[in-house]
Amino acid sequence: MIPGLLIAAPASGSGKTSLTLGLMAALRRRGVTVAPFKVGPDYIDPGHHAAICGRPSNTLDSWFCNKEQVCATFASGCIGADIAVIEGVMGLFDGVSGDDEEGSSAQLAKWLGLPVLLVVDARSQARSFAALVKGFCAFDPQLNVAGVIANRVGSERHAQLLREAIASTPGLPPLLGCLPRQEDIALPERHLGLVTAEDLSGDHGEKLADWVEKYLDLNQLKKIATSSVESTPVVSPKIQIKLRIGIARDRAFCFYYPENLRQLERAGAELVEFSPLVDSALPENLDGLYLGGGYPELDAELLTNNVSLREQISAQARGGLPIYAECGGFMYLCNAIDGQPMCGVFPAQAKMLPRRRALGYRQVELVADTLFGPTGTQIRGHEFHYSDVEMPKTVARCYRLSRRGGEPLGVEGYRINNVLGSYVHLHFGSNPRVAEELVRFYLNNKRRT
C-alpha cells in the first residue's frame, strides 16, 4: 500500500491533464517515483504520463473490468513506486450512464480508497466557486474530496476572492493553489484529442512542473495522499516463452492498453517491437503480429514509402501468418489510406472524414471462431475514429457489436486467412481468456517470418 490520489474535475476541459502532468513532473523532479494511471479507455493521456514518469500508465476502467481486476491492475502498477497519481475521466461523476456511477472517476476513487483532488476552472467566478465545490463534495458523502485547486485564475485579486470563498464556507476541503491562465503550456490538440507524447517537445513536462511548483503547495498536497485500499497484484510466475509476437510501435502506432501486453506475456508471448515507419523488414522468427492503433493517416506518406515492409506484411498475411490489427493498425492493412497505398491485406480503402465517425464503449460477441476464441465469446472494447472503410461483403464478419446498454450496432471484425482487423480497441482484461486464446491460435498457426 502506497499513498495515492485521484485528480478529477467538474467537467472535461477544466485542466485535469495539465495539472496531472505538471504534478507528475514536479514529483519526479524531487526524486519521487510516481505510478501513473488513467481512468477510462483513453490512450493519449497515458502516453504523456508514461513519458514523464518513465513507466507505463495503466488503464483503470470499471466498465471494462470488475472491481477485483481493477484493484489487481492498480496494485501491480504501484510496485516500486512512492506515490500513485490517477487522472480521472470527464467530470467526477460522469460514467457510462446518467443514473449510476459505473465507469466514473468517483466509482474508481471509492473502489481504490483514494482521496480526490478537484481541479475547477475558476474563470468568471468568485463566491460561486465555493458553491460549486460544496455541491461536488455533498453529492456523494462516501467520496473523499480532500483538496481543491482553482485553474485559469485571472489575477492575484481573483485568487484572493477564491480563497475567501472557500475559507468562509464551512465543511469545504482546503484550497491547495490557484493556477493562473497560461496558454503557452496548453497541450495542442488534433482530431482525436491531444497530440501524442511522441509529437510533443521534450521540455513541455518541465514547463508544467515549473507551473505547478510555483503555484501549488506540494507538501500539503502530498499530505492528503493517503494509503489506498489493500489489494494483491497479479504476480506472474516465471513463464516459458512459447512464441514471438511482433508489436508495431512508433509515432504512428502507439495505442496499446498495457494490460493487453502484460496478459500476452503471462500467456507465454515474447513481444518484439518494430516500426512500420522506419524498419525495412519485420524482426526475424516472428509467429504473429499485433498492430495497434494510432495516427497512421498523419504519416501515410512515410508508411507508403516503406515499400519493402508493406510487401513483406502482405506476403506473410497471404501465407497464413496470424495477425491482429485494431483501428490504425487495421487501416494500415487496407489497400490505402486516402489514396496512399498501404499493405493491401483487406480489399478496401480507409477514408478520413471531416466529422467523427464513431465514439463509445462496445460490447463484442464473436459470431465466428477467431483468434480470440470460439463463437459466442464476449469481449469489451472502445471505438473512436474519424475514418471509414467500405469493406466488400465477400470479406467475413466475425463481431456482433452493441453499445453498453445492448443497442445493436451491426457486424464488424473482418477476417481474411488468419488476419483479424477491426476498428474496436479491445481490452483483454474484460475477458482474461482471450489473451490465452490468441497465444494458442498463434501457436497452432505458426508461420515464422
Protein backbone atom coordinates (compact mmCIF):
# COMPACT_ATOMS: atom_id res chain seq x y z
CA MET A 1 0.00 0.00 0.00
CA ILE A 2 1.38 3.38 -1.07
CA PRO A 3 -0.18 6.85 -0.82
CA GLY A 4 -2.19 7.99 -3.81
CA LEU A 5 -4.72 10.48 -5.07
CA LEU A 6 -7.13 10.86 -7.95
CA ILE A 7 -7.29 14.12 -9.90
CA ALA A 8 -10.82 14.92 -11.05
CA ALA A 9 -12.85 17.90 -12.24
CA PRO A 10 -16.45 19.06 -12.62
CA ALA A 11 -16.20 18.69 -16.41
CA SER A 12 -13.85 17.94 -19.26
CA GLY A 13 -11.68 20.88 -20.24
CA SER A 14 -11.07 22.02 -16.66
CA GLY A 15 -7.34 21.28 -16.74
CA LYS A 16 -7.06 17.74 -15.35
CA THR A 17 -4.42 16.61 -17.81
CA SER A 18 -2.18 19.67 -17.50
CA LEU A 19 -2.35 19.51 -13.70
CA THR A 20 -1.74 15.75 -13.66
CA LEU A 21 1.29 16.01 -15.92
CA GLY A 22 2.65 19.00 -14.03
CA LEU A 23 2.26 17.24 -10.70
CA MET A 24 3.89 14.06 -12.00
CA ALA A 25 6.80 16.05 -13.44
CA ALA A 26 7.24 18.10 -10.25
CA LEU A 27 7.24 14.99 -8.06
CA ARG A 28 9.71 13.19 -10.29
CA ARG A 29 11.93 16.28 -10.26
CA ARG A 30 12.08 15.81 -6.47
CA GLY A 31 13.15 12.19 -6.80
CA VAL A 32 9.70 10.70 -6.19
CA THR A 33 8.79 7.60 -8.21
CA VAL A 34 5.25 8.08 -9.50
CA ALA A 35 2.93 5.26 -10.53
CA PRO A 36 0.65 6.82 -13.19
CA PHE A 37 -2.89 5.72 -14.04
CA LYS A 38 -5.78 6.89 -16.20
CA VAL A 39 -9.50 6.34 -15.63
CA GLY A 40 -11.37 5.41 -18.80
CA PRO A 41 -10.50 3.99 -22.21
CA ASP A 42 -8.11 6.76 -23.36
CA TYR A 43 -4.66 6.06 -24.86
CA ILE A 44 -3.25 9.55 -25.39
CA ASP A 45 -3.13 10.82 -21.79
CA PRO A 46 -1.44 7.61 -20.57
CA GLY A 47 1.21 8.11 -23.23
CA HIS A 48 2.03 11.53 -21.76
CA HIS A 49 2.03 10.05 -18.24
CA ALA A 50 4.48 7.36 -19.28
CA ALA A 51 6.81 9.85 -20.97
CA ILE A 52 7.04 11.92 -17.78
CA CYS A 53 7.07 9.12 -15.19
CA GLY A 54 9.33 6.72 -17.09
CA ARG A 55 6.95 3.78 -16.56
CA PRO A 56 3.68 2.61 -18.16
CA SER A 57 0.43 4.34 -17.24
CA ASN A 58 -2.23 1.72 -16.63
CA THR A 59 -5.87 1.97 -17.64
CA LEU A 60 -8.44 1.69 -14.84
CA ASP A 61 -11.93 1.25 -16.27
CA SER A 62 -14.84 -0.13 -14.29
CA TRP A 63 -16.88 -0.93 -17.40
CA PHE A 64 -14.10 -2.99 -18.97
CA CYS A 65 -13.20 -4.78 -15.73
CA ASN A 66 -14.75 -5.70 -12.39
CA LYS A 67 -13.58 -4.35 -9.03
CA GLU A 68 -11.21 -7.25 -8.33
CA GLN A 69 -9.49 -6.86 -11.70
CA VAL A 70 -9.22 -3.08 -11.34
CA CYS A 71 -7.69 -3.38 -7.86
CA ALA A 72 -5.22 -6.01 -9.08
CA THR A 73 -4.16 -3.80 -12.02
CA PHE A 74 -3.73 -0.87 -9.64
CA ALA A 75 -1.67 -2.89 -7.18
CA SER A 76 0.57 -4.26 -9.94
CA GLY A 77 1.09 -0.79 -11.38
CA CYS A 78 2.15 0.55 -7.97
CA ILE A 79 5.03 -1.89 -7.49
CA GLY A 80 8.27 0.01 -6.94
CA ALA A 81 6.59 3.44 -6.72
CA ASP A 82 6.42 6.01 -3.92
CA ILE A 83 3.04 7.51 -4.81
CA ALA A 84 0.17 6.78 -7.20
CA VAL A 85 -1.36 9.58 -9.26
CA ILE A 86 -4.55 8.79 -11.17
CA GLU A 87 -6.05 11.11 -13.77
CA GLY A 88 -9.84 10.98 -13.88
CA VAL A 89 -12.14 10.98 -16.89
CA MET A 90 -14.67 13.67 -17.91
CA GLY A 91 -16.46 15.10 -14.86
CA LEU A 92 -16.00 13.46 -11.47
CA PHE A 93 -19.38 11.69 -11.53
CA ASP A 94 -19.63 11.11 -15.28
CA GLY A 95 -19.61 7.49 -16.44
CA VAL A 96 -21.41 5.30 -18.92
CA SER A 97 -24.92 6.43 -17.94
CA GLY A 98 -26.76 9.26 -16.26
CA ASP A 99 -28.34 7.29 -13.43
CA ASP A 100 -25.43 5.43 -11.81
CA GLU A 101 -21.69 5.77 -11.19
CA GLU A 102 -20.44 2.90 -13.38
CA GLY A 103 -17.31 3.89 -15.26
CA SER A 104 -16.84 7.16 -13.37
CA SER A 105 -13.84 8.60 -11.57
CA ALA A 106 -15.91 8.68 -8.38
CA GLN A 107 -16.51 4.94 -8.51
CA LEU A 108 -12.80 4.25 -9.06
CA ALA A 109 -11.81 6.52 -6.16
CA LYS A 110 -14.12 4.60 -3.83
CA TRP A 111 -13.04 1.20 -5.14
CA LEU A 112 -9.39 2.10 -4.51
CA GLY A 113 -9.92 4.07 -1.29
CA LEU A 114 -8.29 7.19 -2.74
CA PRO A 115 -8.82 10.87 -1.89
CA VAL A 116 -9.94 13.13 -4.73
CA LEU A 117 -8.18 16.33 -5.72
CA LEU A 118 -10.76 18.51 -7.50
CA VAL A 119 -9.45 20.94 -10.13
CA VAL A 120 -12.01 23.60 -11.05
CA ASP A 121 -11.99 26.09 -13.91
CA ALA A 122 -12.46 29.31 -11.93
CA ARG A 123 -12.93 31.70 -14.84
CA SER A 124 -15.69 34.29 -14.22
CA GLN A 125 -16.33 33.01 -10.68
CA ALA A 126 -15.73 34.32 -7.19
CA ARG A 127 -18.00 33.18 -4.34
CA SER A 128 -19.85 30.88 -6.75
CA PHE A 129 -16.65 28.85 -6.85
CA ALA A 130 -17.33 27.74 -3.27
CA ALA A 131 -20.93 26.83 -4.11
CA LEU A 132 -19.78 24.61 -6.96
CA VAL A 133 -17.19 22.89 -4.75
CA LYS A 134 -19.74 22.38 -1.98
CA GLY A 135 -22.13 20.72 -4.42
CA PHE A 136 -19.48 18.26 -5.57
CA CYS A 137 -18.46 17.46 -2.00
CA ALA A 138 -22.06 16.87 -0.90
CA PHE A 139 -23.23 14.88 -3.94
CA ASP A 140 -21.77 11.59 -2.68
CA PRO A 141 -20.99 11.52 1.06
CA GLN A 142 -18.98 8.29 0.63
CA LEU A 143 -16.44 10.10 -1.55
CA ASN A 144 -13.45 11.85 0.00
CA VAL A 145 -12.86 15.17 -1.80
CA ALA A 146 -9.72 16.10 0.11
CA GLY A 147 -8.47 19.20 -1.71
CA VAL A 148 -9.34 21.80 -4.34
CA ILE A 149 -7.28 23.59 -6.97
CA ALA A 150 -8.50 26.63 -8.88
CA ASN A 151 -7.40 26.77 -12.51
CA ARG A 152 -7.34 29.62 -15.04
CA VAL A 153 -7.25 32.25 -12.32
CA GLY A 154 -7.14 35.74 -13.83
CA SER A 155 -5.18 37.76 -11.23
CA GLU A 156 -3.98 37.86 -7.64
CA ARG A 157 -7.18 39.71 -6.72
CA HIS A 158 -9.19 36.90 -8.31
CA ALA A 159 -7.16 34.34 -6.34
CA GLN A 160 -7.84 36.21 -3.09
CA LEU A 161 -11.60 36.16 -3.73
CA LEU A 162 -11.46 32.40 -4.32
CA ARG A 163 -9.52 31.84 -1.08
CA GLU A 164 -12.04 33.89 0.86
CA ALA A 165 -14.96 31.99 -0.68
CA ILE A 166 -13.53 28.60 0.30
CA ALA A 167 -12.38 29.70 3.77
CA SER A 168 -15.77 31.25 4.65
CA THR A 169 -17.82 28.19 3.62
CA PRO A 170 -17.98 25.52 6.37
CA GLY A 171 -17.07 21.95 5.59
CA LEU A 172 -15.08 22.50 2.40
CA PRO A 173 -11.65 20.94 1.74
CA PRO A 174 -8.61 23.21 1.61
CA LEU A 175 -7.75 25.27 -1.46
CA LEU A 176 -4.26 24.00 -2.32
CA GLY A 177 -3.43 26.51 -5.00
CA CYS A 178 -4.57 28.93 -7.69
CA LEU A 179 -3.14 28.23 -11.13
CA PRO A 180 -3.10 31.27 -13.42
CA ARG A 181 -4.12 31.22 -17.04
CA GLN A 182 -1.00 30.29 -19.02
CA GLU A 183 -1.90 29.50 -22.60
CA ASP A 184 1.66 28.64 -23.68
CA ILE A 185 1.58 25.40 -21.67
CA ALA A 186 -1.75 24.16 -23.03
CA LEU A 187 -1.38 20.81 -24.75
CA PRO A 188 -2.08 21.10 -28.50
CA GLU A 189 -4.94 19.08 -29.96
CA ARG A 190 -5.81 17.29 -33.17
CA HIS A 191 -8.84 15.36 -34.46
CA LEU A 192 -8.69 12.51 -31.90
CA GLY A 193 -7.85 14.76 -28.96
CA LEU A 194 -4.45 15.80 -27.64
CA VAL A 195 -1.29 15.25 -29.65
CA THR A 196 0.58 12.14 -28.58
CA ALA A 197 3.65 12.22 -26.37
CA GLU A 198 5.75 11.23 -29.38
CA ASP A 199 4.85 14.54 -31.08
CA LEU A 200 5.39 16.85 -28.09
CA SER A 201 8.56 18.82 -27.41
CA GLY A 202 10.84 17.39 -24.74
CA ASP A 203 10.66 20.43 -22.43
CA HIS A 204 6.86 20.55 -22.12
CA GLY A 205 6.88 18.49 -18.93
CA GLU A 206 9.45 20.83 -17.39
CA LYS A 207 7.24 23.85 -18.14
CA LEU A 208 4.28 22.14 -16.50
CA ALA A 209 6.42 21.23 -13.48
CA ASP A 210 7.51 24.88 -13.12
CA TRP A 211 3.84 25.97 -13.28
CA VAL A 212 2.76 23.50 -10.58
CA GLU A 213 5.72 24.16 -8.27
CA LYS A 214 5.22 27.90 -8.39
CA TYR A 215 1.52 27.98 -7.60
CA LEU A 216 0.71 24.82 -5.61
CA ASP A 217 1.60 23.74 -2.09
CA LEU A 218 3.16 20.39 -2.98
CA ASN A 219 3.95 19.47 0.62
CA GLN A 220 0.32 19.90 1.67
CA LEU A 221 -0.80 18.09 -1.46
CA LYS A 222 1.41 15.09 -0.63
CA LYS A 223 -0.09 15.01 2.89
CA ILE A 224 -3.62 14.49 1.57
CA ALA A 225 -2.48 11.50 -0.49
CA THR A 226 -3.50 8.55 1.65
CA SER A 227 -2.88 4.84 1.51
CA SER A 228 -5.17 3.10 -0.92
CA VAL A 229 -7.30 0.04 -0.35
CA GLU A 230 -5.14 -3.02 0.08
CA SER A 231 -5.12 -5.23 -2.98
CA THR A 232 -2.96 -8.02 -4.25
CA PRO A 233 -1.05 -7.55 -7.50
CA VAL A 234 -1.07 -10.28 -10.08
CA VAL A 235 2.32 -11.91 -9.64
CA SER A 236 3.24 -13.72 -12.81
CA PRO A 237 5.25 -16.90 -12.38
CA LYS A 238 8.33 -17.25 -14.50
CA ILE A 239 6.87 -18.11 -17.86
CA GLN A 240 8.13 -20.36 -20.56
CA ILE A 241 8.37 -18.38 -23.78
CA LYS A 242 6.21 -20.12 -26.34
CA LEU A 243 6.31 -17.72 -29.27
CA ARG A 244 7.35 -14.28 -30.52
CA ILE A 245 4.76 -11.64 -31.44
CA GLY A 246 5.76 -8.53 -33.36
CA ILE A 247 4.30 -5.30 -31.91
CA ALA A 248 4.09 -2.25 -34.20
CA ARG A 249 5.33 0.59 -32.01
CA ASP A 250 6.25 4.09 -33.17
CA ARG A 251 4.70 7.53 -33.64
CA ALA A 252 2.02 6.15 -35.99
CA PHE A 253 1.12 3.09 -33.87
CA CYS A 254 1.22 3.83 -30.15
CA PHE A 255 -2.23 2.97 -28.77
CA TYR A 256 -1.97 -0.14 -26.60
CA TYR A 257 -3.52 -0.95 -23.24
CA PRO A 258 -0.59 -2.06 -21.03
CA GLU A 259 -2.81 -4.77 -19.56
CA ASN A 260 -3.21 -6.33 -23.02
CA LEU A 261 0.54 -6.62 -23.42
CA ARG A 262 1.00 -7.96 -19.88
CA GLN A 263 -1.62 -10.64 -20.42
CA LEU A 264 0.05 -11.75 -23.65
CA GLU A 265 3.36 -12.03 -21.80
CA ARG A 266 1.72 -14.01 -18.98
CA ALA A 267 0.34 -16.37 -21.63
CA GLY A 268 3.86 -17.05 -22.91
CA ALA A 269 4.43 -14.44 -25.62
CA GLU A 270 7.67 -12.59 -26.13
CA LEU A 271 6.76 -9.15 -27.50
CA VAL A 272 9.17 -7.80 -30.11
CA GLU A 273 8.71 -4.17 -31.13
CA PHE A 274 9.24 -2.86 -34.66
CA SER A 275 8.43 0.37 -36.50
CA PRO A 276 6.38 0.38 -39.72
CA LEU A 277 7.71 3.90 -40.29
CA VAL A 278 11.43 3.12 -40.37
CA ASP A 279 12.10 -0.64 -40.33
CA SER A 280 12.58 -2.10 -43.80
CA ALA A 281 11.77 -5.63 -42.61
CA LEU A 282 9.98 -7.43 -39.81
CA PRO A 283 12.04 -8.84 -36.93
CA GLU A 284 13.14 -12.40 -37.56
CA ASN A 285 11.40 -15.50 -36.22
CA LEU A 286 8.01 -13.97 -35.50
CA ASP A 287 4.99 -16.20 -35.01
CA GLY A 288 2.45 -13.42 -35.43
CA LEU A 289 1.80 -9.67 -35.40
CA TYR A 290 -0.23 -7.25 -33.25
CA LEU A 291 -0.82 -3.89 -34.96
CA GLY A 292 -2.29 -1.38 -32.52
CA GLY A 293 -3.98 1.94 -33.14
CA GLY A 294 -2.59 5.40 -33.56
CA TYR A 295 -2.41 8.08 -36.24
CA PRO A 296 -1.28 6.30 -39.44
CA GLU A 297 -3.07 8.93 -41.54
CA LEU A 298 -0.61 11.60 -40.35
CA ASP A 299 2.36 9.54 -41.55
CA ALA A 300 0.69 7.94 -44.55
CA GLU A 301 3.41 9.07 -46.96
CA LEU A 302 6.19 7.54 -44.83
CA LEU A 303 4.23 4.31 -44.47
CA THR A 304 3.63 4.23 -48.22
CA ASN A 305 7.30 4.82 -49.00
CA ASN A 306 8.33 1.87 -46.81
CA VAL A 307 7.52 -0.48 -49.68
CA SER A 308 9.62 -3.44 -48.54
CA LEU A 309 7.88 -3.76 -45.17
CA ARG A 310 4.40 -3.32 -46.66
CA GLU A 311 5.09 -6.04 -49.20
CA GLN A 312 6.52 -8.36 -46.56
CA ILE A 313 3.46 -7.96 -44.30
CA SER A 314 1.16 -8.56 -47.26
CA ALA A 315 3.06 -11.71 -48.27
CA GLN A 316 3.10 -13.01 -44.69
CA ALA A 317 -0.66 -12.45 -44.40
CA ARG A 318 -1.27 -14.38 -47.63
CA GLY A 319 0.97 -17.15 -46.32
CA GLY A 320 -1.09 -17.58 -43.16
CA LEU A 321 0.85 -15.59 -40.52
CA PRO A 322 -1.61 -14.75 -37.70
CA ILE A 323 -2.17 -11.00 -37.44
CA TYR A 324 -4.44 -9.00 -35.17
CA ALA A 325 -4.95 -5.32 -36.09
CA GLU A 326 -7.15 -2.69 -34.47
CA CYS A 327 -8.15 0.79 -35.63
CA GLY A 328 -4.99 2.43 -37.02
CA GLY A 329 -3.35 -0.96 -37.49
CA PHE A 330 -6.47 -2.15 -39.33
CA MET A 331 -6.31 0.92 -41.60
CA TYR A 332 -2.66 0.11 -42.36
CA LEU A 333 -3.69 -3.36 -43.58
CA CYS A 334 -6.20 -1.91 -46.06
CA ASN A 335 -5.41 -1.12 -49.70
CA ALA A 336 -4.88 2.56 -48.98
CA ILE A 337 -5.46 5.48 -46.61
CA ASP A 338 -6.90 8.41 -48.57
CA GLY A 339 -5.30 7.12 -51.74
CA GLN A 340 -1.89 6.42 -50.20
CA PRO A 341 -1.03 2.71 -50.78
CA MET A 342 -0.80 0.53 -47.68
CA CYS A 343 -0.42 -3.24 -47.16
CA GLY A 344 -3.40 -4.37 -49.24
CA VAL A 345 -4.38 -7.26 -46.99
CA PHE A 346 -8.00 -6.05 -46.84
CA PRO A 347 -9.58 -5.06 -50.19
CA ALA A 348 -10.83 -1.65 -49.07
CA GLN A 349 -9.64 1.91 -48.65
CA ALA A 350 -9.72 3.86 -45.39
CA LYS A 351 -11.04 7.37 -45.95
CA MET A 352 -10.71 10.22 -43.46
CA LEU A 353 -13.95 12.08 -42.76
CA PRO A 354 -14.47 15.71 -41.69
CA ARG A 355 -16.52 14.61 -38.68
CA ARG A 356 -16.15 11.86 -36.11
CA ARG A 357 -17.39 8.51 -37.40
CA ALA A 358 -17.74 6.60 -34.12
CA LEU A 359 -17.20 7.02 -30.38
CA GLY A 360 -18.13 4.87 -27.42
CA TYR A 361 -17.86 1.64 -25.49
CA ARG A 362 -18.54 -1.54 -27.44
CA GLN A 363 -19.70 -5.00 -26.42
CA VAL A 364 -18.27 -7.56 -28.84
CA GLU A 365 -19.73 -11.03 -29.34
CA LEU A 366 -17.91 -13.38 -31.67
CA VAL A 367 -20.24 -14.75 -34.35
CA ALA A 368 -17.48 -16.99 -35.73
CA ASP A 369 -14.42 -18.74 -34.37
CA THR A 370 -11.45 -16.36 -34.36
CA LEU A 371 -8.01 -15.96 -32.83
CA PHE A 372 -9.80 -14.72 -29.67
CA GLY A 373 -11.77 -17.89 -29.16
CA PRO A 374 -14.91 -19.70 -30.28
CA THR A 375 -18.25 -18.32 -31.41
CA GLY A 376 -20.11 -16.70 -28.51
CA THR A 377 -17.01 -15.30 -26.76
CA GLN A 378 -17.72 -11.90 -25.18
CA ILE A 379 -15.14 -9.08 -25.08
CA ARG A 380 -15.45 -5.39 -24.28
CA GLY A 381 -13.73 -2.52 -26.02
CA HIS A 382 -13.91 1.07 -27.19
CA GLU A 383 -14.28 2.68 -30.62
CA PHE A 384 -13.13 6.18 -31.61
CA HIS A 385 -12.22 7.17 -35.18
CA TYR A 386 -12.70 9.73 -37.92
CA SER A 387 -12.15 7.36 -40.82
CA ASP A 388 -14.39 4.83 -42.50
CA VAL A 389 -13.88 1.66 -44.53
CA GLU A 390 -16.36 0.19 -47.01
CA MET A 391 -15.49 -3.48 -46.85
CA PRO A 392 -16.79 -5.81 -49.61
CA LYS A 393 -19.47 -8.22 -48.47
CA THR A 394 -17.26 -11.12 -49.53
CA VAL A 395 -14.99 -10.47 -46.52
CA ALA A 396 -16.09 -12.41 -43.42
CA ARG A 397 -17.53 -10.52 -40.43
CA CYS A 398 -16.76 -12.01 -37.02
CA TYR A 399 -18.03 -9.44 -34.48
CA ARG A 400 -21.57 -8.57 -33.45
CA LEU A 401 -21.32 -5.10 -31.92
CA SER A 402 -23.61 -3.40 -29.43
CA ARG A 403 -23.50 -0.38 -27.17
CA ARG A 404 -23.19 -0.68 -23.40
CA GLY A 405 -26.96 -0.81 -22.99
CA GLY A 406 -27.37 -3.52 -25.62
CA GLU A 407 -28.36 -1.38 -28.62
CA PRO A 408 -27.21 -3.33 -31.70
CA LEU A 409 -24.62 -1.72 -33.98
CA GLY A 410 -24.33 -4.38 -36.68
CA VAL A 411 -21.45 -6.67 -37.56
CA GLU A 412 -17.75 -5.88 -37.93
CA GLY A 413 -14.42 -7.60 -37.18
CA TYR A 414 -13.09 -8.52 -40.62
CA ARG A 415 -11.23 -11.77 -41.26
CA ILE A 416 -9.09 -12.88 -44.19
CA ASN A 417 -6.99 -16.04 -43.77
CA ASN A 418 -5.50 -15.74 -40.24
CA VAL A 419 -5.83 -11.95 -40.18
CA LEU A 420 -8.42 -10.21 -37.99
CA GLY A 421 -8.97 -6.46 -38.28
CA SER A 422 -11.40 -4.11 -36.54
CA TYR A 423 -11.96 -0.51 -35.52
CA VAL A 424 -12.64 -1.63 -31.93
CA HIS A 425 -9.83 -1.38 -29.38
CA LEU A 426 -10.36 -4.46 -27.23
CA HIS A 427 -9.40 -4.58 -23.55
CA PHE A 428 -8.21 -8.09 -22.77
CA GLY A 429 -8.94 -7.57 -19.07
CA SER A 430 -12.67 -7.70 -19.88
CA ASN A 431 -12.22 -11.41 -20.64
CA PRO A 432 -8.86 -12.72 -19.38
CA ARG A 433 -9.19 -15.86 -21.51
CA VAL A 434 -8.81 -14.01 -24.80
CA ALA A 435 -5.06 -13.42 -24.42
CA GLU A 436 -4.55 -17.14 -23.82
CA GLU A 437 -6.76 -17.94 -26.82
CA LEU A 438 -4.76 -15.58 -29.03
CA VAL A 439 -1.46 -17.14 -27.98
CA ARG A 440 -2.90 -20.62 -28.54
CA PHE A 441 -4.11 -19.63 -32.01
CA TYR A 442 -0.71 -18.18 -32.91
CA LEU A 443 0.98 -21.37 -31.69
CA ASN A 444 -1.34 -23.56 -33.74
CA ASN A 445 -0.79 -21.50 -36.87
CA LYS A 446 2.94 -20.78 -36.71
CA ARG A 447 4.31 -19.26 -39.90
CA ARG A 448 7.66 -17.86 -38.85
CA THR A 449 8.92 -14.74 -40.62
